[in-house]
C-alpha atoms as a PDB file:
ATOM      1  CA  MET A   1     116.872 120.241 115.368  1.00  0.00           C
ATOM      2  CA  SER A   2     113.637 120.981 117.197  1.00  0.00           C
ATOM      3  CA  LEU A   3     110.784 119.106 118.836  1.00  0.00           C
ATOM      4  CA  HIS A   4     109.488 116.230 116.701  1.00  0.00           C
ATOM      5  CA  PRO A   5     106.072 117.064 115.135  1.00  0.00           C
ATOM      6  CA  THR A   6     104.539 114.010 116.849  1.00  0.00           C
ATOM      7  CA  LEU A   7     105.494 115.452 120.244  1.00  0.00           C
ATOM      8  CA  GLN A   8     104.436 119.061 119.615  1.00  0.00           C
ATOM      9  CA  PRO A   9     100.725 118.580 120.561  1.00  0.00           C
ATOM     10  CA  TYR A  10     101.748 117.169 123.955  1.00  0.00           C
ATOM     11  CA  ALA A  11     104.174 120.053 124.596  1.00  0.00           C
ATOM     12  CA  ASP A  12     101.461 122.541 123.616  1.00  0.00           C
ATOM     13  CA  ALA A  13      98.885 120.856 125.886  1.00  0.00           C
ATOM     14  CA  TRP A  14     101.329 120.828 128.814  1.00  0.00           C
ATOM     15  CA  SER A  15     102.218 124.489 128.269  1.00  0.00           C
ATOM     16  CA  HIS A  16      98.559 125.542 128.160  1.00  0.00           C
ATOM     17  CA  SER A  17      97.708 123.672 131.388  1.00  0.00           C
ATOM     18  CA  ILE A  18     100.811 124.609 133.384  1.00  0.00           C
ATOM     19  CA  GLU A  19     100.323 128.302 132.532  1.00  0.00           C
ATOM     20  CA  ALA A  20      96.672 128.003 133.605  1.00  0.00           C
ATOM     21  CA  ILE A  21      97.778 126.470 136.923  1.00  0.00           C
ATOM     22  CA  SER A  22     100.287 129.273 137.418  1.00  0.00           C
ATOM     23  CA  GLU A  23      97.582 131.868 136.786  1.00  0.00           C
ATOM     24  CA  LEU A  24      95.176 130.112 139.182  1.00  0.00           C
ATOM     25  CA  VAL A  25      97.597 130.131 142.139  1.00  0.00           C
ATOM     26  CA  GLN A  26      99.699 133.248 141.472  1.00  0.00           C
ATOM     27  CA  ARG A  27      97.754 135.551 143.839  1.00  0.00           C
ATOM     28  CA  LEU A  28      96.059 132.907 145.936  1.00  0.00           C
ATOM     29  CA  PRO A  29      95.625 133.842 149.635  1.00  0.00           C
ATOM     30  CA  GLU A  30      97.650 131.649 152.005  1.00  0.00           C
ATOM     31  CA  GLY A  31      94.500 130.029 153.424  1.00  0.00           C
ATOM     32  CA  ASP A  32      93.275 128.878 149.997  1.00  0.00           C
ATOM     33  CA  TRP A  33      96.383 126.738 149.561  1.00  0.00           C
ATOM     34  CA  ASN A  34      94.890 124.422 152.205  1.00  0.00           C
ATOM     35  CA  LEU A  35      91.550 123.914 150.435  1.00  0.00           C
ATOM     36  CA  ARG A  36      90.657 120.292 149.734  1.00  0.00           C
ATOM     37  CA  THR A  37      90.756 119.038 146.149  1.00  0.00           C
ATOM     38  CA  PRO A  38      89.027 115.985 144.603  1.00  0.00           C
ATOM     39  CA  CYS A  39      92.335 114.086 145.002  1.00  0.00           C
ATOM     40  CA  PRO A  40      92.020 112.024 148.210  1.00  0.00           C
ATOM     41  CA  GLY A  41      94.104 113.549 150.998  1.00  0.00           C
ATOM     42  CA  TRP A  42      95.472 116.362 148.838  1.00  0.00           C
ATOM     43  CA  SER A  43      95.047 120.116 149.274  1.00  0.00           C
ATOM     44  CA  VAL A  44      95.637 122.799 146.640  1.00  0.00           C
ATOM     45  CA  ARG A  45      99.234 123.024 147.891  1.00  0.00           C
ATOM     46  CA  ASP A  46      99.639 119.258 147.558  1.00  0.00           C
ATOM     47  CA  VAL A  47      98.380 119.191 143.971  1.00  0.00           C
ATOM     48  CA  VAL A  48     100.711 122.039 142.968  1.00  0.00           C
ATOM     49  CA  SER A  49     103.565 120.242 144.756  1.00  0.00           C
ATOM     50  CA  HIS A  50     102.755 117.091 142.793  1.00  0.00           C
ATOM     51  CA  VAL A  51     102.799 118.981 139.495  1.00  0.00           C
ATOM     52  CA  ILE A  52     106.136 120.623 140.372  1.00  0.00           C
ATOM     53  CA  GLY A  53     107.493 117.197 141.321  1.00  0.00           C
ATOM     54  CA  LEU A  54     106.311 115.605 138.061  1.00  0.00           C
ATOM     55  CA  ASP A  55     107.962 118.326 135.996  1.00  0.00           C
ATOM     56  CA  SER A  56     111.093 118.148 138.120  1.00  0.00           C
ATOM     57  CA  GLU A  57     111.416 114.468 137.232  1.00  0.00           C
ATOM     58  CA  MET A  58     110.600 115.114 133.567  1.00  0.00           C
ATOM     59  CA  TYR A  59     113.472 117.640 133.634  1.00  0.00           C
ATOM     60  CA  GLY A  60     115.803 115.022 135.086  1.00  0.00           C
ATOM     61  CA  ASP A  61     116.233 116.307 138.642  1.00  0.00           C
ATOM     62  CA  PRO A  62     116.980 113.665 141.312  1.00  0.00           C
ATOM     63  CA  ARG A  63     114.089 112.674 143.529  1.00  0.00           C
ATOM     64  CA  PRO A  64     114.113 114.070 147.091  1.00  0.00           C
ATOM     65  CA  ILE A  65     115.459 111.922 149.919  1.00  0.00           C
ATOM     66  CA  HIS A  66     112.605 112.068 152.380  1.00  0.00           C
ATOM     67  CA  ALA A  67     110.903 109.794 154.910  1.00  0.00           C
ATOM     68  CA  LEU A  68     107.104 109.846 154.718  1.00  0.00           C
ATOM     69  CA  PRO A  69     105.170 110.121 157.990  1.00  0.00           C
ATOM     70  CA  ARG A  70     103.165 107.035 158.935  1.00  0.00           C
ATOM     71  CA  ASP A  71      99.821 108.774 159.406  1.00  0.00           C
ATOM     72  CA  LEU A  72      99.090 109.426 155.710  1.00  0.00           C
ATOM     73  CA  PHE A  73      96.006 107.231 155.501  1.00  0.00           C
ATOM     74  CA  HIS A  74      95.342 108.040 151.840  1.00  0.00           C
ATOM     75  CA  VAL A  75      98.676 106.416 150.906  1.00  0.00           C
ATOM     76  CA  THR A  76      98.054 102.677 150.578  1.00  0.00           C
ATOM     77  CA  ASN A  77     100.345 101.326 147.817  1.00  0.00           C
ATOM     78  CA  ASP A  78     103.799 101.738 146.259  1.00  0.00           C
ATOM     79  CA  HIS A  79     102.601 104.017 143.464  1.00  0.00           C
ATOM     80  CA  GLN A  80     100.948 106.375 145.947  1.00  0.00           C
ATOM     81  CA  ARG A  81     104.039 106.331 148.168  1.00  0.00           C
ATOM     82  CA  TYR A  82     106.166 107.219 145.156  1.00  0.00           C
ATOM     83  CA  MET A  83     103.898 110.141 144.234  1.00  0.00           C
ATOM     84  CA  GLU A  84     103.518 111.330 147.834  1.00  0.00           C
ATOM     85  CA  MET A  85     107.255 111.930 148.266  1.00  0.00           C
ATOM     86  CA  GLN A  86     107.332 115.085 146.112  1.00  0.00           C
ATOM     87  CA  VAL A  87     104.153 116.282 147.857  1.00  0.00           C
ATOM     88  CA  ASP A  88     105.084 115.734 151.483  1.00  0.00           C
ATOM     89  CA  VAL A  89     108.515 117.327 151.105  1.00  0.00           C
ATOM     90  CA  ARG A  90     106.753 120.633 150.234  1.00  0.00           C
ATOM     91  CA  ARG A  91     103.889 120.431 152.742  1.00  0.00           C
ATOM     92  CA  HIS A  92     105.178 123.284 154.898  1.00  0.00           C
ATOM     93  CA  HIS A  93     106.220 125.591 152.044  1.00  0.00           C
ATOM     94  CA  THR A  94     104.643 129.047 152.010  1.00  0.00           C
ATOM     95  CA  ALA A  95     102.600 130.447 149.130  1.00  0.00           C
ATOM     96  CA  PRO A  96     105.511 132.612 147.832  1.00  0.00           C
ATOM     97  CA  GLU A  97     107.838 129.595 147.968  1.00  0.00           C
ATOM     98  CA  MET A  98     105.346 127.488 146.009  1.00  0.00           C
ATOM     99  CA  THR A  99     104.704 130.048 143.275  1.00  0.00           C
ATOM    100  CA  ALA A 100     108.431 130.854 142.931  1.00  0.00           C
ATOM    101  CA  GLU A 101     109.328 127.176 142.513  1.00  0.00           C
ATOM    102  CA  LEU A 102     106.484 126.653 140.031  1.00  0.00           C
ATOM    103  CA  GLU A 103     107.585 129.644 137.930  1.00  0.00           C
ATOM    104  CA  LEU A 104     111.206 128.487 137.914  1.00  0.00           C
ATOM    105  CA  MET A 105     110.164 124.965 136.898  1.00  0.00           C
ATOM    106  CA  ILE A 106     108.064 126.333 134.016  1.00  0.00           C
ATOM    107  CA  ILE A 107     111.064 128.336 132.753  1.00  0.00           C
ATOM    108  CA  ARG A 108     113.377 125.309 132.997  1.00  0.00           C
ATOM    109  CA  ARG A 109     110.938 122.946 131.305  1.00  0.00           C
ATOM    110  CA  ASN A 110     110.146 125.389 128.477  1.00  0.00           C
ATOM    111  CA  ARG A 111     113.872 125.690 127.801  1.00  0.00           C
ATOM    112  CA  GLN A 112     114.216 121.902 127.876  1.00  0.00           C
ATOM    113  CA  LEU A 113     111.356 121.444 125.397  1.00  0.00           C
ATOM    114  CA  ARG A 114     112.791 124.079 123.033  1.00  0.00           C
ATOM    115  CA  ASN A 115     116.012 122.060 122.915  1.00  0.00           C
ATOM    116  CA  GLU A 116     114.359 118.610 122.791  1.00  0.00           C
ATOM    117  CA  ASN A 117     115.550 116.757 119.678  1.00  0.00           C
ATOM    118  CA  ARG A 118     115.107 113.096 120.637  1.00  0.00           C
ATOM    119  CA  ALA A 119     112.932 110.771 118.567  1.00  0.00           C
ATOM    120  CA  PRO A 120     109.444 109.935 119.907  1.00  0.00           C
ATOM    121  CA  ASP A 121     110.406 106.275 120.396  1.00  0.00           C
ATOM    122  CA  THR A 122     113.402 107.086 122.631  1.00  0.00           C
ATOM    123  CA  MET A 123     113.110 105.153 125.882  1.00  0.00           C
ATOM    124  CA  VAL A 124     113.032 107.358 129.009  1.00  0.00           C
ATOM    125  CA  ARG A 125     112.638 106.862 132.771  1.00  0.00           C
ATOM    126  CA  GLY A 126     109.144 106.586 134.203  1.00  0.00           C
ATOM    127  CA  PRO A 127     107.696 106.250 137.722  1.00  0.00           C
ATOM    128  CA  LEU A 128     108.963 103.472 139.999  1.00  0.00           C
ATOM    129  CA  GLY A 129     111.918 102.681 137.734  1.00  0.00           C
ATOM    130  CA  SER A 130     109.729 101.899 134.721  1.00  0.00           C
ATOM    131  CA  GLU A 131     110.719 102.701 131.141  1.00  0.00           C
ATOM    132  CA  LEU A 132     108.488 104.105 128.416  1.00  0.00           C
ATOM    133  CA  THR A 133     108.848 105.976 125.148  1.00  0.00           C
ATOM    134  CA  LEU A 134     109.357 109.733 125.145  1.00  0.00           C
ATOM    135  CA  GLU A 135     106.066 110.072 123.245  1.00  0.00           C
ATOM    136  CA  GLU A 136     104.097 108.101 125.839  1.00  0.00           C
ATOM    137  CA  SER A 137     105.838 109.960 128.680  1.00  0.00           C
ATOM    138  CA  MET A 138     104.917 113.376 127.240  1.00  0.00           C
ATOM    139  CA  ARG A 139     101.387 112.202 126.446  1.00  0.00           C
ATOM    140  CA  ARG A 140     100.781 110.923 129.973  1.00  0.00           C
ATOM    141  CA  HIS A 141     102.328 114.051 131.456  1.00  0.00           C
ATOM    142  CA  ALA A 142     100.126 116.397 129.400  1.00  0.00           C
ATOM    143  CA  PHE A 143      97.115 114.409 130.593  1.00  0.00           C
ATOM    144  CA  ASP A 144      98.239 114.437 134.243  1.00  0.00           C
ATOM    145  CA  VAL A 145      98.851 118.184 134.345  1.00  0.00           C
ATOM    146  CA  TRP A 146      95.494 118.933 132.692  1.00  0.00           C
ATOM    147  CA  ALA A 147      93.686 116.599 135.127  1.00  0.00           C
ATOM    148  CA  HIS A 148      95.333 118.384 138.059  1.00  0.00           C
ATOM    149  CA  GLU A 149      94.446 121.764 136.582  1.00  0.00           C
ATOM    150  CA  GLN A 150      90.843 120.544 136.752  1.00  0.00           C
ATOM    151  CA  ASP A 151      91.343 119.429 140.387  1.00  0.00           C
ATOM    152  CA  LEU A 152      92.509 122.930 141.265  1.00  0.00           C
ATOM    153  CA  ARG A 153      89.627 124.552 139.378  1.00  0.00           C
ATOM    154  CA  THR A 154      87.152 122.382 141.303  1.00  0.00           C
ATOM    155  CA  ALA A 155      88.720 123.255 144.669  1.00  0.00           C
ATOM    156  CA  LEU A 156      88.885 126.984 143.882  1.00  0.00           C
ATOM    157  CA  GLY A 157      85.478 127.253 142.193  1.00  0.00           C
ATOM    158  CA  ARG A 158      87.089 128.394 138.920  1.00  0.00           C
ATOM    159  CA  PRO A 159      85.743 126.072 136.191  1.00  0.00           C
ATOM    160  CA  GLY A 160      87.229 126.233 132.709  1.00  0.00           C
ATOM    161  CA  ASN A 161      89.440 124.687 130.019  1.00  0.00           C
ATOM    162  CA  LEU A 162      87.262 121.594 129.619  1.00  0.00           C
ATOM    163  CA  ASP A 163      87.908 121.886 125.870  1.00  0.00           C
ATOM    164  CA  SER A 164      91.567 122.963 125.993  1.00  0.00           C
ATOM    165  CA  PRO A 165      94.428 121.130 124.211  1.00  0.00           C
ATOM    166  CA  GLY A 166      94.989 119.121 127.393  1.00  0.00           C
ATOM    167  CA  ALA A 167      91.340 118.041 127.400  1.00  0.00           C
ATOM    168  CA  HIS A 168      91.749 116.474 123.963  1.00  0.00           C
ATOM    169  CA  VAL A 169      94.906 114.645 125.040  1.00  0.00           C
ATOM    170  CA  ALA A 170      92.996 113.436 128.115  1.00  0.00           C
ATOM    171  CA  CYS A 171      90.200 112.191 125.868  1.00  0.00           C
ATOM    172  CA  ASP A 172      92.653 110.055 123.865  1.00  0.00           C
ATOM    173  CA  VAL A 173      94.326 108.697 126.999  1.00  0.00           C
ATOM    174  CA  LEU A 174      91.046 107.788 128.704  1.00  0.00           C
ATOM    175  CA  LEU A 175      89.450 106.277 125.582  1.00  0.00           C
ATOM    176  CA  ALA A 176      92.452 103.970 125.160  1.00  0.00           C
ATOM    177  CA  GLU A 177      91.581 102.410 128.529  1.00  0.00           C
ATOM    178  CA  LEU A 178      87.930 101.693 127.686  1.00  0.00           C
ATOM    179  CA  PRO A 179      88.406  98.248 126.052  1.00  0.00           C
ATOM    180  CA  ARG A 180      90.169  96.960 129.159  1.00  0.00           C
ATOM    181  CA  VAL A 181      87.551  98.462 131.478  1.00  0.00           C
ATOM    182  CA  VAL A 182      84.643  96.907 129.558  1.00  0.00           C
ATOM    183  CA  ALA A 183      86.071  93.564 128.436  1.00  0.00           C
ATOM    184  CA  GLU A 184      88.464  92.636 131.243  1.00  0.00           C
ATOM    185  CA  ASP A 185      87.473  94.518 134.386  1.00  0.00           C
ATOM    186  CA  ALA A 186      83.691  94.574 133.929  1.00  0.00           C
ATOM    187  CA  GLN A 187      83.689  91.173 132.172  1.00  0.00           C
ATOM    188  CA  ALA A 188      81.222  92.183 129.435  1.00  0.00           C
ATOM    189  CA  PRO A 189      79.749  89.124 127.667  1.00  0.00           C
ATOM    190  CA  ARG A 190      81.642  87.776 124.668  1.00  0.00           C
ATOM    191  CA  SER A 191      80.347  88.821 121.240  1.00  0.00           C
ATOM    192  CA  SER A 192      78.670  91.892 122.746  1.00  0.00           C
ATOM    193  CA  ALA A 193      78.953  95.663 122.390  1.00  0.00           C
ATOM    194  CA  VAL A 194      78.866  98.559 124.845  1.00  0.00           C
ATOM    195  CA  VAL A 195      78.251 102.146 123.740  1.00  0.00           C
ATOM    196  CA  ILE A 196      79.692 105.196 125.535  1.00  0.00           C
ATOM    197  CA  ASP A 197      78.011 108.478 124.534  1.00  0.00           C
ATOM    198  CA  VAL A 198      79.596 111.675 125.850  1.00  0.00           C
ATOM    199  CA  HIS A 199      78.354 115.220 125.236  1.00  0.00           C
ATOM    200  CA  GLY A 200      79.631 118.655 126.212  1.00  0.00           C
ATOM    201  CA  PRO A 201      82.825 120.610 125.452  1.00  0.00           C
ATOM    202  CA  VAL A 202      84.417 117.347 124.224  1.00  0.00           C
ATOM    203  CA  GLU A 203      81.958 115.043 122.454  1.00  0.00           C
ATOM    204  CA  PHE A 204      82.268 111.482 121.211  1.00  0.00           C
ATOM    205  CA  LEU A 205      80.358 108.265 120.724  1.00  0.00           C
ATOM    206  CA  ARG A 206      82.404 105.070 120.946  1.00  0.00           C
ATOM    207  CA  THR A 207      81.576 101.387 120.842  1.00  0.00           C
ATOM    208  CA  VAL A 208      83.582  98.772 122.690  1.00  0.00           C
ATOM    209  CA  ARG A 209      83.131  95.439 120.908  1.00  0.00           C
ATOM    210  CA  VAL A 210      84.004  92.297 122.818  1.00  0.00           C
ATOM    211  CA  ASP A 211      84.953  89.389 120.517  1.00  0.00           C
ATOM    212  CA  ILE A 212      84.480  85.671 121.002  1.00  0.00           C
ATOM    213  CA  GLN A 213      87.816  85.484 122.874  1.00  0.00           C
ATOM    214  CA  GLY A 214      86.710  88.210 125.281  1.00  0.00           C
ATOM    215  CA  ARG A 215      89.029  90.871 123.856  1.00  0.00           C
ATOM    216  CA  GLY A 216      87.751  94.432 123.616  1.00  0.00           C
ATOM    217  CA  THR A 217      88.329  96.855 120.732  1.00  0.00           C
ATOM    218  CA  LEU A 218      87.312 100.500 120.409  1.00  0.00           C
ATOM    219  CA  GLU A 219      85.283 101.568 117.362  1.00  0.00           C
ATOM    220  CA  THR A 220      83.705 104.805 116.184  1.00  0.00           C
ATOM    221  CA  ALA A 221      80.786 103.016 114.479  1.00  0.00           C
ATOM    222  CA  PRO A 222      77.625 102.851 116.611  1.00  0.00           C
ATOM    223  CA  ALA A 223      76.361  99.400 117.610  1.00  0.00           C
ATOM    224  CA  LEU A 224      72.905  98.056 116.853  1.00  0.00           C
ATOM    225  CA  GLY A 225      71.344  96.500 119.933  1.00  0.00           C
ATOM    226  CA  PRO A 226      74.248  97.025 122.384  1.00  0.00           C
ATOM    227  CA  ALA A 227      74.299  95.089 125.649  1.00  0.00           C
ATOM    228  CA  ALA A 228      74.628  98.402 127.491  1.00  0.00           C
ATOM    229  CA  THR A 229      74.807 102.127 126.842  1.00  0.00           C
ATOM    230  CA  LEU A 230      76.202 104.806 129.154  1.00  0.00           C
ATOM    231  CA  ALA A 231      75.560 108.479 128.389  1.00  0.00           C
ATOM    232  CA  MET A 232      77.016 111.391 130.365  1.00  0.00           C
ATOM    233  CA  ASP A 233      78.591 114.823 130.021  1.00  0.00           C
ATOM    234  CA  TRP A 234      82.337 115.227 129.455  1.00  0.00           C
ATOM    235  CA  GLU A 235      83.102 116.606 132.934  1.00  0.00           C
ATOM    236  CA  THR A 236      81.359 113.640 134.589  1.00  0.00           C
ATOM    237  CA  TYR A 237      83.232 111.221 132.306  1.00  0.00           C
ATOM    238  CA  VAL A 238      86.558 112.765 133.317  1.00  0.00           C
ATOM    239  CA  ARG A 239      85.750 112.796 137.042  1.00  0.00           C
ATOM    240  CA  LEU A 240      84.674 109.152 136.964  1.00  0.00           C
ATOM    241  CA  ALA A 241      87.587 107.967 134.807  1.00  0.00           C
ATOM    242  CA  CYS A 242      90.104 109.843 136.969  1.00  0.00           C
ATOM    243  CA  GLY A 243      88.594 108.421 140.169  1.00  0.00           C
ATOM    244  CA  ARG A 244      87.567 111.820 141.519  1.00  0.00           C
ATOM    245  CA  VAL A 245      83.960 110.778 142.255  1.00  0.00           C
ATOM    246  CA  THR A 246      82.085 107.548 142.896  1.00  0.00           C
ATOM    247  CA  PRO A 247      79.359 106.379 140.476  1.00  0.00           C
ATOM    248  CA  GLU A 248      76.835 106.900 143.290  1.00  0.00           C
ATOM    249  CA  ALA A 249      77.810 110.568 143.667  1.00  0.00           C
ATOM    250  CA  VAL A 250      77.036 111.339 139.997  1.00  0.00           C
ATOM    251  CA  ALA A 251      74.161 108.888 139.417  1.00  0.00           C
ATOM    252  CA  ASP A 252      71.893 111.755 138.381  1.00  0.00           C
ATOM    253  CA  ARG A 253      74.348 112.752 135.614  1.00  0.00           C
ATOM    254  CA  VAL A 254      74.726 109.281 134.071  1.00  0.00           C
ATOM    255  CA  LYS A 255      72.057 107.683 131.901  1.00  0.00           C
ATOM    256  CA  ALA A 256      72.424 103.893 131.844  1.00  0.00           C
ATOM    257  CA  GLU A 257      70.508 101.614 129.488  1.00  0.00           C
ATOM    258  CA  GLY A 258      70.622  97.869 128.924  1.00  0.00           C
ATOM    259  CA  ASP A 259      71.879  95.158 131.278  1.00  0.00           C
ATOM    260  CA  PRO A 260      71.862  96.817 134.744  1.00  0.00           C
ATOM    261  CA  ASP A 261      74.483  94.408 136.131  1.00  0.00           C
ATOM    262  CA  LEU A 262      76.830  95.199 133.244  1.00  0.00           C
ATOM    263  CA  THR A 263      76.379  98.980 133.473  1.00  0.00           C
ATOM    264  CA  ALA A 264      76.981  98.806 137.236  1.00  0.00           C
ATOM    265  CA  ALA A 265      80.150  96.725 136.697  1.00  0.00           C
ATOM    266  CA  ILE A 266      81.481  99.152 134.087  1.00  0.00           C
ATOM    267  CA  LEU A 267      80.890 102.142 136.353  1.00  0.00           C
ATOM    268  CA  ARG A 268      82.452 100.289 139.286  1.00  0.00           C
ATOM    269  CA  HIS A 269      85.663  99.835 137.255  1.00  0.00           C
ATOM    270  CA  PHE A 270      85.512 103.158 135.373  1.00  0.00           C
ATOM    271  CA  ALA A 271      88.406 104.806 137.232  1.00  0.00           C
ATOM    272  CA  VAL A 272      91.632 104.128 135.333  1.00  0.00           C
ATOM    273  CA  THR A 273      94.165 106.373 137.105  1.00  0.00           C
ATOM    274  CA  PRO A 274      96.319 104.755 139.841  1.00  0.00           C
END
């Protein structure tokens, strides 16, 4: 038995991104580990710690027993507290300790994936005691690791991989959230349509149609006379959807047409990561 074909794209995307992260930090000077990233409150070291922690939990390791300090002002809810644990426990690790642990985790996880023979619909453990399918877990993880690769590239001034396998997984994950953003969060009018037009290394044009009940659905067909249209490049889309920038910070990179109140509401609710 080997990895189910449905899961292979997510394993490939993870492998591509985790190897890119390893290459980015392998010979990083000690001082660069403290550079700020687009993740609030997190340095390069913190992001790498988070990635190691995520893979540690995917492998099945127990979570660390650790008390968080009270002065972490970027930690404001249970999800952030959960994620911060794996970060804070490594905050004083040296560069060699970080790279050694990352390399060991990559070896362990590659071995695990080579031997993975469970069905995609197998239920597995998720964050905060949640349960989800193995397919959804691997999909979310491939997206997370790619997004954090991009955080590190931004902090280190090393852009790249905006069209990698992980980028295409990220596109699918983020597009799946659009109907909720437009119909529920931004409260787009019933029986209306909103067009999202993205260009760059990953390109797409999608229409969110809101039905008479206020439910949103995602379509590839363009809409005639949409209530609103938002056009932007792929990198800006990712940074907004992952909550790395505010709409105000990238206003010059977003072209909004149609109902200004609706476009403002959509952008206000665009971030979909916890």
